[in-house]
């Protein structure tokens, strides 16, 4: 995790995804920069720094994938695993809204930090990563699942696109804490995250050259065709990106793309803004409580009230149990 010193004034290009193409390499990609939005998401929770970093990576990955949707709907990224961080949930509502939360074992996280095993892959452990596309009530949901087996979110994303969509993909994610210095105010730390998403999409499917799935117990080995030279070059260029370049507010998205692809030429498209916004509301929470049985609602009463706190935004909703009584109950 890097540390950067800067003013907290709005930064051009923050909280947006910049789509781009490198036709010479048959690449399509997106570059995300999140500042105030991810800082607001993490600021709503008192997570340990390593948990905040992991969730910030998940938010960036969700933004990179979710903004590729060409329809109104939701994209949900969720992990469930046996690691110290048992669950991450990031919800993207098209065209621009992000919310996120994490569940973790505080004692296990503290022990992992003490032992120096607080990398994202250590915190995730083993389990699965699910990516769900919800196009609304009139359409079926689509869900893809990839195994988490000690891999980072970057590596899990690579495996997901190779297995589920057979598209060669590379993802880079980086998180930083920045020290803001405004005149007349005490310096404070804020979170930033950046991400790069590349996909090799040549006109000829034969050029993709993806590896076949492992044959299991069958004799012989799986064919491993040579990777296309353009994709090899693209991966090499992506490998030169440093974490600080992805998060440094002094390096614009356009500048970074020029550094990477100036010899090949990158064409950028209209940036897609992002905001931190929760979907919860008092009416939605009331409807949820009303869906429970009378006996279940009785169990929810504490000190004469029913209280519900949104896991995403930490908003507290308070209700009088009498609001939910039916004539039969009265």
C-alpha atoms as a PDB file:
ATOM      1  CA  UNK A   1       0.000   0.000   0.000  1.00  0.00           C
ATOM      2  CA  UNK A   2       1.514   3.306  -1.050  1.00  0.00           C
ATOM      3  CA  UNK A   3       1.164   6.722   0.581  1.00  0.00           C
ATOM      4  CA  UNK A   4       0.694   9.930  -1.408  1.00  0.00           C
ATOM      5  CA  UNK A   5       0.517  13.525  -0.174  1.00  0.00           C
ATOM      6  CA  UNK A   6      -1.950  15.859  -1.889  1.00  0.00           C
ATOM      7  CA  UNK A   7      -4.690  18.428  -1.424  1.00  0.00           C
ATOM      8  CA  UNK A   8      -8.237  17.165  -0.942  1.00  0.00           C
ATOM      9  CA  UNK A   9      -9.553  19.438  -3.714  1.00  0.00           C
ATOM     10  CA  UNK A  10     -11.537  17.569  -6.422  1.00  0.00           C
ATOM     11  CA  UNK A  11      -9.230  15.819  -8.871  1.00  0.00           C
ATOM     12  CA  UNK A  12     -10.170  15.704 -12.569  1.00  0.00           C
ATOM     13  CA  UNK A  13     -10.789  12.121 -13.651  1.00  0.00           C
ATOM     14  CA  UNK A  14     -11.499  10.815 -10.162  1.00  0.00           C
ATOM     15  CA  UNK A  15     -14.495   8.561  -9.555  1.00  0.00           C
ATOM     16  CA  UNK A  16     -14.787   7.501 -13.167  1.00  0.00           C
ATOM     17  CA  UNK A  17     -13.983   4.716 -15.604  1.00  0.00           C
ATOM     18  CA  UNK A  18     -12.222   5.589 -18.850  1.00  0.00           C
ATOM     19  CA  UNK A  19     -12.890   3.085 -21.674  1.00  0.00           C
ATOM     20  CA  UNK A  20     -10.204   2.802 -24.358  1.00  0.00           C
ATOM     21  CA  UNK A  21      -9.079   0.726 -27.304  1.00  0.00           C
ATOM     22  CA  UNK A  22      -5.688  -0.107 -28.799  1.00  0.00           C
ATOM     23  CA  UNK A  23      -6.615  -1.275 -32.278  1.00  0.00           C
ATOM     24  CA  UNK A  24      -3.035  -2.164 -33.225  1.00  0.00           C
ATOM     25  CA  UNK A  25      -3.037  -4.808 -30.469  1.00  0.00           C
ATOM     26  CA  UNK A  26      -6.729  -5.799 -30.716  1.00  0.00           C
ATOM     27  CA  UNK A  27      -7.225  -4.581 -27.159  1.00  0.00           C
ATOM     28  CA  UNK A  28     -10.248  -3.212 -25.389  1.00  0.00           C
ATOM     29  CA  UNK A  29      -9.870  -1.906 -21.887  1.00  0.00           C
ATOM     30  CA  UNK A  30     -10.974   0.318 -19.046  1.00  0.00           C
ATOM     31  CA  UNK A  31      -9.075   2.329 -16.481  1.00  0.00           C
ATOM     32  CA  UNK A  32     -10.736   3.209 -13.174  1.00  0.00           C
ATOM     33  CA  UNK A  33      -9.792   5.866 -10.640  1.00  0.00           C
ATOM     34  CA  UNK A  34     -11.734   6.117  -7.379  1.00  0.00           C
ATOM     35  CA  UNK A  35     -11.055   8.732  -4.722  1.00  0.00           C
ATOM     36  CA  UNK A  36     -13.925  10.335  -2.764  1.00  0.00           C
ATOM     37  CA  UNK A  37     -16.340   7.529  -3.694  1.00  0.00           C
ATOM     38  CA  UNK A  38     -14.237   4.669  -2.300  1.00  0.00           C
ATOM     39  CA  UNK A  39     -13.166   6.807   0.664  1.00  0.00           C
ATOM     40  CA  UNK A  40     -16.853   7.392   1.497  1.00  0.00           C
ATOM     41  CA  UNK A  41     -17.625   3.669   1.212  1.00  0.00           C
ATOM     42  CA  UNK A  42     -14.785   2.675   3.519  1.00  0.00           C
ATOM     43  CA  UNK A  43     -15.353   5.636   5.819  1.00  0.00           C
ATOM     44  CA  UNK A  44     -18.796   4.323   6.744  1.00  0.00           C
ATOM     45  CA  UNK A  45     -17.178   1.323   8.458  1.00  0.00           C
ATOM     46  CA  UNK A  46     -14.487   0.895  11.062  1.00  0.00           C
ATOM     47  CA  UNK A  47     -12.643  -1.821   9.151  1.00  0.00           C
ATOM     48  CA  UNK A  48      -9.010  -2.692   9.863  1.00  0.00           C
ATOM     49  CA  UNK A  49      -6.742  -1.197   7.145  1.00  0.00           C
ATOM     50  CA  UNK A  50      -6.043  -4.569   5.506  1.00  0.00           C
ATOM     51  CA  UNK A  51      -9.790  -5.280   5.225  1.00  0.00           C
ATOM     52  CA  UNK A  52     -10.380  -1.816   3.771  1.00  0.00           C
ATOM     53  CA  UNK A  53      -7.660  -2.434   1.211  1.00  0.00           C
ATOM     54  CA  UNK A  54      -9.188  -5.745   0.153  1.00  0.00           C
ATOM     55  CA  UNK A  55     -12.670  -4.246  -0.145  1.00  0.00           C
ATOM     56  CA  UNK A  56     -11.271  -1.301  -2.141  1.00  0.00           C
ATOM     57  CA  UNK A  57      -9.779  -3.771  -4.631  1.00  0.00           C
ATOM     58  CA  UNK A  58     -13.168  -5.488  -4.932  1.00  0.00           C
ATOM     59  CA  UNK A  59     -14.872  -2.125  -5.541  1.00  0.00           C
ATOM     60  CA  UNK A  60     -12.420  -1.269  -8.325  1.00  0.00           C
ATOM     61  CA  UNK A  61     -12.835  -4.677  -9.955  1.00  0.00           C
ATOM     62  CA  UNK A  62     -16.623  -4.348  -9.783  1.00  0.00           C
ATOM     63  CA  UNK A  63     -16.482  -0.894 -11.374  1.00  0.00           C
ATOM     64  CA  UNK A  64     -14.283  -2.158 -14.205  1.00  0.00           C
ATOM     65  CA  UNK A  65     -16.626  -5.036 -15.028  1.00  0.00           C
ATOM     66  CA  UNK A  66     -19.973  -3.468 -14.157  1.00  0.00           C
ATOM     67  CA  UNK A  67     -19.508  -0.409 -16.372  1.00  0.00           C
ATOM     68  CA  UNK A  68     -19.192  -2.711 -19.394  1.00  0.00           C
ATOM     69  CA  UNK A  69     -22.908  -3.558 -19.135  1.00  0.00           C
ATOM     70  CA  UNK A  70     -24.929  -2.159 -22.027  1.00  0.00           C
ATOM     71  CA  UNK A  71     -28.264  -2.249 -20.193  1.00  0.00           C
ATOM     72  CA  UNK A  72     -29.883  -1.013 -16.998  1.00  0.00           C
ATOM     73  CA  UNK A  73     -29.414  -3.496 -14.218  1.00  0.00           C
ATOM     74  CA  UNK A  74     -27.080  -4.570 -11.450  1.00  0.00           C
ATOM     75  CA  UNK A  75     -23.724  -6.311 -11.270  1.00  0.00           C
ATOM     76  CA  UNK A  76     -22.878  -7.934  -7.939  1.00  0.00           C
ATOM     77  CA  UNK A  77     -19.469  -9.256  -6.964  1.00  0.00           C
ATOM     78  CA  UNK A  78     -19.425 -11.491  -3.892  1.00  0.00           C
ATOM     79  CA  UNK A  79     -16.841 -13.683  -2.200  1.00  0.00           C
ATOM     80  CA  UNK A  80     -17.488 -16.418   0.337  1.00  0.00           C
ATOM     81  CA  UNK A  81     -14.453 -18.101   1.812  1.00  0.00           C
ATOM     82  CA  UNK A  82     -12.853 -19.629   4.896  1.00  0.00           C
ATOM     83  CA  UNK A  83     -10.288 -16.866   5.323  1.00  0.00           C
ATOM     84  CA  UNK A  84     -10.278 -14.124   7.964  1.00  0.00           C
ATOM     85  CA  UNK A  85     -12.468 -12.063   5.606  1.00  0.00           C
ATOM     86  CA  UNK A  86     -15.363 -14.451   5.068  1.00  0.00           C
ATOM     87  CA  UNK A  87     -17.389 -12.298   2.697  1.00  0.00           C
ATOM     88  CA  UNK A  88     -17.117  -9.267   0.436  1.00  0.00           C
ATOM     89  CA  UNK A  89     -20.116  -7.814  -1.374  1.00  0.00           C
ATOM     90  CA  UNK A  90     -19.957  -5.026  -3.956  1.00  0.00           C
ATOM     91  CA  UNK A  91     -23.137  -3.907  -5.689  1.00  0.00           C
ATOM     92  CA  UNK A  92     -23.022  -1.813  -8.886  1.00  0.00           C
ATOM     93  CA  UNK A  93     -26.312  -0.348 -10.137  1.00  0.00           C
ATOM     94  CA  UNK A  94     -26.135   0.943 -13.707  1.00  0.00           C
ATOM     95  CA  UNK A  95     -25.181   3.432 -14.794  1.00  0.00           C
ATOM     96  CA  UNK A  96     -23.043   4.734 -11.944  1.00  0.00           C
ATOM     97  CA  UNK A  97     -23.832   3.691  -8.329  1.00  0.00           C
ATOM     98  CA  UNK A  98     -21.527   1.665  -6.086  1.00  0.00           C
ATOM     99  CA  UNK A  99     -21.958   0.312  -2.574  1.00  0.00           C
ATOM    100  CA  UNK A 100     -19.953  -2.313  -0.679  1.00  0.00           C
ATOM    101  CA  UNK A 101     -19.426  -4.068   2.638  1.00  0.00           C
ATOM    102  CA  UNK A 102     -17.330  -6.808   4.228  1.00  0.00           C
ATOM    103  CA  UNK A 103     -17.787  -9.427   6.924  1.00  0.00           C
ATOM    104  CA  UNK A 104     -14.740 -10.642   8.792  1.00  0.00           C
ATOM    105  CA  UNK A 105     -13.490 -12.343  11.933  1.00  0.00           C
ATOM    106  CA  UNK A 106     -11.814  -9.553  13.890  1.00  0.00           C
ATOM    107  CA  UNK A 107      -9.645 -11.926  15.939  1.00  0.00           C
ATOM    108  CA  UNK A 108      -8.537 -13.846  12.839  1.00  0.00           C
ATOM    109  CA  UNK A 109      -7.713 -10.609  11.014  1.00  0.00           C
ATOM    110  CA  UNK A 110      -5.670  -9.353  13.979  1.00  0.00           C
ATOM    111  CA  UNK A 111      -3.786 -12.656  14.109  1.00  0.00           C
ATOM    112  CA  UNK A 112      -3.113 -12.503  10.378  1.00  0.00           C
ATOM    113  CA  UNK A 113      -1.719  -8.979  10.713  1.00  0.00           C
ATOM    114  CA  UNK A 114       0.453 -10.044  13.658  1.00  0.00           C
ATOM    115  CA  UNK A 115       1.823 -12.972  11.636  1.00  0.00           C
ATOM    116  CA  UNK A 116       2.464 -10.823   8.564  1.00  0.00           C
ATOM    117  CA  UNK A 117      -0.132 -12.762   6.550  1.00  0.00           C
ATOM    118  CA  UNK A 118      -2.449  -9.912   5.686  1.00  0.00           C
ATOM    119  CA  UNK A 119      -2.076  -9.877   1.907  1.00  0.00           C
ATOM    120  CA  UNK A 120      -5.417  -9.938   0.047  1.00  0.00           C
ATOM    121  CA  UNK A 121      -4.967 -13.587  -0.928  1.00  0.00           C
ATOM    122  CA  UNK A 122      -4.201 -14.508   2.709  1.00  0.00           C
ATOM    123  CA  UNK A 123      -7.323 -12.751   3.957  1.00  0.00           C
ATOM    124  CA  UNK A 124      -9.555 -14.391   1.360  1.00  0.00           C
ATOM    125  CA  UNK A 125      -8.447 -17.970   1.916  1.00  0.00           C
ATOM    126  CA  UNK A 126     -10.338 -20.679   0.043  1.00  0.00           C
ATOM    127  CA  UNK A 127     -13.871 -20.446  -1.259  1.00  0.00           C
ATOM    128  CA  UNK A 128     -15.426 -18.889  -4.326  1.00  0.00           C
ATOM    129  CA  UNK A 129     -15.932 -15.608  -6.138  1.00  0.00           C
ATOM    130  CA  UNK A 130     -19.369 -15.100  -7.712  1.00  0.00           C
ATOM    131  CA  UNK A 131     -20.233 -12.477 -10.311  1.00  0.00           C
ATOM    132  CA  UNK A 132     -23.951 -11.933 -10.862  1.00  0.00           C
ATOM    133  CA  UNK A 133     -25.665  -9.934 -13.606  1.00  0.00           C
ATOM    134  CA  UNK A 134     -29.230  -8.929 -12.730  1.00  0.00           C
ATOM    135  CA  UNK A 135     -31.125  -7.391 -15.657  1.00  0.00           C
ATOM    136  CA  UNK A 136     -34.326  -6.834 -13.674  1.00  0.00           C
ATOM    137  CA  UNK A 137     -37.508  -8.690 -12.794  1.00  0.00           C
ATOM    138  CA  UNK A 138     -38.368  -9.475 -16.416  1.00  0.00           C
ATOM    139  CA  UNK A 139     -35.040 -11.177 -17.162  1.00  0.00           C
ATOM    140  CA  UNK A 140     -33.185 -14.176 -15.769  1.00  0.00           C
ATOM    141  CA  UNK A 141     -30.126 -13.663 -13.621  1.00  0.00           C
ATOM    142  CA  UNK A 142     -26.740 -14.812 -14.875  1.00  0.00           C
ATOM    143  CA  UNK A 143     -24.082 -15.924 -12.418  1.00  0.00           C
ATOM    144  CA  UNK A 144     -20.524 -17.042 -12.990  1.00  0.00           C
ATOM    145  CA  UNK A 145     -18.420 -18.611 -10.231  1.00  0.00           C
ATOM    146  CA  UNK A 146     -14.686 -19.108  -9.950  1.00  0.00           C
ATOM    147  CA  UNK A 147     -12.740 -20.823  -7.193  1.00  0.00           C
ATOM    148  CA  UNK A 148     -10.735 -18.900  -4.626  1.00  0.00           C
ATOM    149  CA  UNK A 149      -7.779 -21.079  -3.704  1.00  0.00           C
ATOM    150  CA  UNK A 150      -5.251 -18.734  -2.200  1.00  0.00           C
ATOM    151  CA  UNK A 151      -5.296 -16.426  -5.222  1.00  0.00           C
ATOM    152  CA  UNK A 152      -5.720 -12.663  -5.266  1.00  0.00           C
ATOM    153  CA  UNK A 153      -8.771 -10.959  -6.756  1.00  0.00           C
ATOM    154  CA  UNK A 154      -6.684 -10.114  -9.830  1.00  0.00           C
ATOM    155  CA  UNK A 155      -5.813 -13.773 -10.387  1.00  0.00           C
ATOM    156  CA  UNK A 156      -9.368 -14.915  -9.707  1.00  0.00           C
ATOM    157  CA  UNK A 157     -10.643 -12.461 -12.326  1.00  0.00           C
ATOM    158  CA  UNK A 158      -8.178 -13.840 -14.868  1.00  0.00           C
ATOM    159  CA  UNK A 159      -9.456 -17.353 -14.187  1.00  0.00           C
ATOM    160  CA  UNK A 160     -13.088 -16.259 -14.374  1.00  0.00           C
ATOM    161  CA  UNK A 161     -12.818 -14.742 -17.843  1.00  0.00           C
ATOM    162  CA  UNK A 162     -10.705 -17.599 -19.168  1.00  0.00           C
ATOM    163  CA  UNK A 163     -13.098 -20.287 -17.920  1.00  0.00           C
ATOM    164  CA  UNK A 164     -16.479 -18.566 -18.244  1.00  0.00           C
ATOM    165  CA  UNK A 165     -16.019 -16.430 -21.339  1.00  0.00           C
ATOM    166  CA  UNK A 166     -12.734 -17.715 -22.793  1.00  0.00           C
ATOM    167  CA  UNK A 167     -11.475 -14.162 -23.245  1.00  0.00           C
ATOM    168  CA  UNK A 168      -7.800 -13.517 -22.435  1.00  0.00           C
ATOM    169  CA  UNK A 169      -7.969 -10.867 -19.712  1.00  0.00           C
ATOM    170  CA  UNK A 170      -5.525  -9.040 -17.470  1.00  0.00           C
ATOM    171  CA  UNK A 171      -6.413  -6.997 -14.411  1.00  0.00           C
ATOM    172  CA  UNK A 172      -4.234  -4.714 -12.300  1.00  0.00           C
ATOM    173  CA  UNK A 173      -5.504  -3.299  -9.007  1.00  0.00           C
ATOM    174  CA  UNK A 174      -3.767  -0.932  -6.610  1.00  0.00           C
ATOM    175  CA  UNK A 175      -4.788   0.770  -3.364  1.00  0.00           C
ATOM    176  CA  UNK A 176      -3.236   3.723  -1.580  1.00  0.00           C
ATOM    177  CA  UNK A 177      -3.803   5.844   1.480  1.00  0.00           C
ATOM    178  CA  UNK A 178      -3.295   9.529   0.747  1.00  0.00           C
ATOM    179  CA  UNK A 179      -2.549  12.304   3.191  1.00  0.00           C
ATOM    180  CA  UNK A 180      -4.686  15.348   2.424  1.00  0.00           C
ATOM    181  CA  UNK A 181      -3.454  18.790   3.404  1.00  0.00           C
ATOM    182  CA  UNK A 182      -5.920  21.659   3.230  1.00  0.00           C
ATOM    183  CA  UNK A 183      -5.096  25.138   4.573  1.00  0.00           C
ATOM    184  CA  UNK A 184      -6.465  25.641   8.068  1.00  0.00           C
ATOM    185  CA  UNK A 185      -7.343  21.987   8.599  1.00  0.00           C
ATOM    186  CA  UNK A 186      -5.649  19.024  10.190  1.00  0.00           C
ATOM    187  CA  UNK A 187      -4.201  16.533   7.674  1.00  0.00           C
ATOM    188  CA  UNK A 188      -6.245  13.372   7.289  1.00  0.00           C
ATOM    189  CA  UNK A 189      -5.833  10.075   5.524  1.00  0.00           C
ATOM    190  CA  UNK A 190      -8.113   9.100   2.679  1.00  0.00           C
ATOM    191  CA  UNK A 191      -8.369   6.017   0.471  1.00  0.00           C
ATOM    192  CA  UNK A 192      -7.766   5.816  -3.267  1.00  0.00           C
ATOM    193  CA  UNK A 193      -7.899   2.840  -5.636  1.00  0.00           C
ATOM    194  CA  UNK A 194      -7.048   2.392  -9.284  1.00  0.00           C
ATOM    195  CA  UNK A 195      -7.434  -0.451 -11.739  1.00  0.00           C
ATOM    196  CA  UNK A 196      -6.565  -1.447 -15.291  1.00  0.00           C
ATOM    197  CA  UNK A 197      -8.648  -3.966 -17.252  1.00  0.00           C
ATOM    198  CA  UNK A 198      -7.408  -5.390 -20.588  1.00  0.00           C
ATOM    199  CA  UNK A 199      -9.075  -7.890 -22.918  1.00  0.00           C
ATOM    200  CA  UNK A 200      -7.707  -9.388 -26.119  1.00  0.00           C
ATOM    201  CA  UNK A 201     -10.508  -9.349 -28.687  1.00  0.00           C
ATOM    202  CA  UNK A 202      -9.150 -10.038 -32.185  1.00  0.00           C
ATOM    203  CA  UNK A 203     -11.503 -10.351 -35.137  1.00  0.00           C
ATOM    204  CA  UNK A 204     -10.295 -13.920 -35.710  1.00  0.00           C
ATOM    205  CA  UNK A 205     -11.225 -16.319 -32.899  1.00  0.00           C
ATOM    206  CA  UNK A 206      -8.277 -18.557 -33.842  1.00  0.00           C
ATOM    207  CA  UNK A 207      -5.889 -15.856 -32.666  1.00  0.00           C
ATOM    208  CA  UNK A 208      -7.142 -16.012 -29.072  1.00  0.00           C
ATOM    209  CA  UNK A 209      -5.147 -19.190 -28.401  1.00  0.00           C
ATOM    210  CA  UNK A 210      -6.588 -19.871 -24.955  1.00  0.00           C
ATOM    211  CA  UNK A 211      -5.469 -22.948 -23.075  1.00  0.00           C
ATOM    212  CA  UNK A 212      -7.824 -25.908 -23.072  1.00  0.00           C
ATOM    213  CA  UNK A 213      -9.213 -27.049 -19.737  1.00  0.00           C
ATOM    214  CA  UNK A 214      -7.122 -29.623 -17.913  1.00  0.00           C
ATOM    215  CA  UNK A 215      -7.960 -33.189 -19.115  1.00  0.00           C
ATOM    216  CA  UNK A 216      -8.125 -34.570 -15.563  1.00  0.00           C
ATOM    217  CA  UNK A 217      -7.233 -38.263 -15.477  1.00  0.00           C
ATOM    218  CA  UNK A 218      -7.321 -38.643 -19.251  1.00  0.00           C
ATOM    219  CA  UNK A 219      -3.994 -39.696 -20.830  1.00  0.00           C
ATOM    220  CA  UNK A 220      -1.862 -37.015 -22.428  1.00  0.00           C
ATOM    221  CA  UNK A 221      -1.749 -33.310 -21.711  1.00  0.00           C
ATOM    222  CA  UNK A 222      -3.914 -30.376 -22.670  1.00  0.00           C
ATOM    223  CA  UNK A 223      -2.894 -28.470 -25.769  1.00  0.00           C
ATOM    224  CA  UNK A 224      -1.205 -25.163 -25.028  1.00  0.00           C
ATOM    225  CA  UNK A 225      -1.028 -23.102 -28.210  1.00  0.00           C
ATOM    226  CA  UNK A 226       1.399 -20.204 -28.458  1.00  0.00           C
ATOM    227  CA  UNK A 227      -0.090 -16.910 -27.371  1.00  0.00           C
ATOM    228  CA  UNK A 228      -0.620 -14.269 -30.018  1.00  0.00           C
ATOM    229  CA  UNK A 229       2.261 -11.784 -30.260  1.00  0.00           C
ATOM    230  CA  UNK A 230      -0.107  -8.838 -29.790  1.00  0.00           C
ATOM    231  CA  UNK A 231      -1.456 -10.279 -26.542  1.00  0.00           C
ATOM    232  CA  UNK A 232       2.062 -11.080 -25.334  1.00  0.00           C
ATOM    233  CA  UNK A 233       3.044  -7.452 -25.946  1.00  0.00           C
ATOM    234  CA  UNK A 234      -0.087  -6.163 -24.206  1.00  0.00           C
ATOM    235  CA  UNK A 235       0.598  -8.265 -21.118  1.00  0.00           C
ATOM    236  CA  UNK A 236       4.206  -7.124 -21.025  1.00  0.00           C
ATOM    237  CA  UNK A 237       3.114  -3.483 -21.146  1.00  0.00           C
ATOM    238  CA  UNK A 238       0.516  -4.032 -18.421  1.00  0.00           C
ATOM    239  CA  UNK A 239       3.229  -5.628 -16.297  1.00  0.00           C
ATOM    240  CA  UNK A 240       5.188  -2.369 -16.288  1.00  0.00           C
ATOM    241  CA  UNK A 241       2.409  -0.440 -14.527  1.00  0.00           C
ATOM    242  CA  UNK A 242       3.375   0.428 -10.974  1.00  0.00           C
ATOM    243  CA  UNK A 243       0.847   0.672  -8.148  1.00  0.00           C
ATOM    244  CA  UNK A 244       1.618   4.344  -7.603  1.00  0.00           C
ATOM    245  CA  UNK A 245       0.786   5.114 -11.252  1.00  0.00           C
ATOM    246  CA  UNK A 246      -2.676   3.646 -10.822  1.00  0.00           C
ATOM    247  CA  UNK A 247      -3.424   5.664  -7.689  1.00  0.00           C
ATOM    248  CA  UNK A 248      -1.349   8.866  -7.966  1.00  0.00           C
ATOM    249  CA  UNK A 249      -3.723  11.841  -8.417  1.00  0.00           C
ATOM    250  CA  UNK A 250      -0.943  13.665 -10.284  1.00  0.00           C
ATOM    251  CA  UNK A 251      -1.004  11.062 -13.079  1.00  0.00           C
ATOM    252  CA  UNK A 252      -4.191  11.341 -15.128  1.00  0.00           C
ATOM    253  CA  UNK A 253      -5.776   8.311 -16.755  1.00  0.00           C
ATOM    254  CA  UNK A 254      -4.963   9.719 -20.192  1.00  0.00           C
ATOM    255  CA  UNK A 255      -1.336  10.249 -19.208  1.00  0.00           C
ATOM    256  CA  UNK A 256      -1.004   6.687 -17.962  1.00  0.00           C
ATOM    257  CA  UNK A 257      -2.515   5.268 -21.154  1.00  0.00           C
ATOM    258  CA  UNK A 258      -0.116   7.389 -23.209  1.00  0.00           C
ATOM    259  CA  UNK A 259       2.839   6.054 -21.205  1.00  0.00           C
ATOM    260  CA  UNK A 260       1.702   2.503 -21.870  1.00  0.00           C
ATOM    261  CA  UNK A 261       0.567   2.602 -25.482  1.00  0.00           C
ATOM    262  CA  UNK A 262       2.057   5.696 -27.154  1.00  0.00           C
ATOM    263  CA  UNK A 263       3.929   3.546 -29.670  1.00  0.00           C
ATOM    264  CA  UNK A 264       0.731   1.726 -30.649  1.00  0.00           C
ATOM    265  CA  UNK A 265      -1.808   4.465 -30.109  1.00  0.00           C
ATOM    266  CA  UNK A 266      -4.707   4.339 -27.652  1.00  0.00           C
ATOM    267  CA  UNK A 267      -8.140   5.725 -28.469  1.00  0.00           C
ATOM    268  CA  UNK A 268     -10.130   6.859 -25.447  1.00  0.00           C
ATOM    269  CA  UNK A 269     -13.891   7.155 -25.185  1.00  0.00           C
ATOM    270  CA  UNK A 270     -16.231   9.178 -22.991  1.00  0.00           C
ATOM    271  CA  UNK A 271     -15.462   8.619 -19.282  1.00  0.00           C
ATOM    272  CA  UNK A 272     -18.205   7.041 -17.197  1.00  0.00           C
ATOM    273  CA  UNK A 273     -18.704   8.789 -13.820  1.00  0.00           C
ATOM    274  CA  UNK A 274     -19.181   6.777 -10.629  1.00  0.00           C
ATOM    275  CA  UNK A 275     -20.798   7.665  -7.320  1.00  0.00           C
ATOM    276  CA  UNK A 276     -21.120   6.108  -3.905  1.00  0.00           C
ATOM    277  CA  UNK A 277     -24.849   5.585  -3.362  1.00  0.00           C
ATOM    278  CA  UNK A 278     -26.778   3.007  -1.349  1.00  0.00           C
ATOM    279  CA  UNK A 279     -30.069   1.534  -2.565  1.00  0.00           C
ATOM    280  CA  UNK A 280     -31.608   1.220   0.897  1.00  0.00           C
ATOM    281  CA  UNK A 281     -34.586   3.316   2.023  1.00  0.00           C
ATOM    282  CA  UNK A 282     -37.000   3.446   4.939  1.00  0.00           C
ATOM    283  CA  UNK A 283     -39.813   2.115   2.755  1.00  0.00           C
ATOM    284  CA  UNK A 284     -37.686  -0.804   1.534  1.00  0.00           C
ATOM    285  CA  UNK A 285     -36.650  -1.728   5.083  1.00  0.00           C
ATOM    286  CA  UNK A 286     -40.260  -1.446   6.284  1.00  0.00           C
ATOM    287  CA  UNK A 287     -41.379  -3.806   3.515  1.00  0.00           C
ATOM    288  CA  UNK A 288     -38.650  -6.259   4.472  1.00  0.00           C
ATOM    289  CA  UNK A 289     -39.719  -6.276   8.135  1.00  0.00           C
ATOM    290  CA  UNK A 290     -43.376  -6.676   7.143  1.00  0.00           C
ATOM    291  CA  UNK A 291     -42.460  -9.833   5.209  1.00  0.00           C
ATOM    292  CA  UNK A 292     -41.530 -11.633   8.442  1.00  0.00           C
ATOM    293  CA  UNK A 293     -44.056 -13.552  10.514  1.00  0.00           C
ATOM    294  CA  UNK A 294     -45.490 -11.966  13.684  1.00  0.00           C
ATOM    295  CA  UNK A 295     -43.390 -14.326  15.826  1.00  0.00           C
ATOM    296  CA  UNK A 296     -40.222 -13.363  13.940  1.00  0.00           C
ATOM    297  CA  UNK A 297     -40.990  -9.672  14.362  1.00  0.00           C
ATOM    298  CA  UNK A 298     -41.431 -10.193  18.111  1.00  0.00           C
ATOM    299  CA  UNK A 299     -37.902 -11.599  18.224  1.00  0.00           C
ATOM    300  CA  UNK A 300     -36.630  -8.452  16.483  1.00  0.00           C
ATOM    301  CA  UNK A 301     -37.925  -6.107  19.205  1.00  0.00           C
ATOM    302  CA  UNK A 302     -35.340  -4.580  21.521  1.00  0.00           C
ATOM    303  CA  UNK A 303     -36.288  -2.001  24.144  1.00  0.00           C
ATOM    304  CA  UNK A 304     -39.706  -1.690  22.584  1.00  0.00           C
ATOM    305  CA  UNK A 305     -38.417  -0.863  19.078  1.00  0.00           C
ATOM    306  CA  UNK A 306     -37.353  -2.680  15.909  1.00  0.00           C
ATOM    307  CA  UNK A 307     -34.005  -1.425  14.672  1.00  0.00           C
ATOM    308  CA  UNK A 308     -32.284  -2.326  11.400  1.00  0.00           C
ATOM    309  CA  UNK A 309     -28.873  -1.091  10.270  1.00  0.00           C
ATOM    310  CA  UNK A 310     -27.951  -1.248   6.576  1.00  0.00           C
ATOM    311  CA  UNK A 311     -24.763  -3.275   6.164  1.00  0.00           C
ATOM    312  CA  UNK A 312     -23.714  -1.188   3.182  1.00  0.00           C
ATOM    313  CA  UNK A 313     -24.125   2.398   4.350  1.00  0.00           C
ATOM    314  CA  UNK A 314     -24.573   1.924   8.131  1.00  0.00           C
ATOM    315  CA  UNK A 315     -27.824   3.914   8.116  1.00  0.00           C
ATOM    316  CA  UNK A 316     -29.963   3.028  11.133  1.00  0.00           C
ATOM    317  CA  UNK A 317     -33.730   2.613  10.681  1.00  0.00           C
ATOM    318  CA  UNK A 318     -35.965   2.583  13.757  1.00  0.00           C
ATOM    319  CA  UNK A 319     -39.597   1.401  13.840  1.00  0.00           C
ATOM    320  CA  UNK A 320     -42.453   1.059  16.304  1.00  0.00           C
ATOM    321  CA  UNK A 321     -43.557  -2.620  16.291  1.00  0.00           C
ATOM    322  CA  UNK A 322     -47.175  -1.424  16.199  1.00  0.00           C
ATOM    323  CA  UNK A 323     -46.596  -0.240  12.620  1.00  0.00           C
ATOM    324  CA  UNK A 324     -46.624  -3.879  11.515  1.00  0.00           C
ATOM    325  CA  UNK A 325     -49.603  -5.143  13.463  1.00  0.00           C
ATOM    326  CA  UNK A 326     -52.518  -6.439  11.378  1.00  0.00           C
ATOM    327  CA  UNK A 327     -56.169  -6.224  12.507  1.00  0.00           C
ATOM    328  CA  UNK A 328     -55.964  -9.900  13.494  1.00  0.00           C
ATOM    329  CA  UNK A 329     -52.922  -9.228  15.686  1.00  0.00           C
ATOM    330  CA  UNK A 330     -54.478  -6.131  17.196  1.00  0.00           C
END
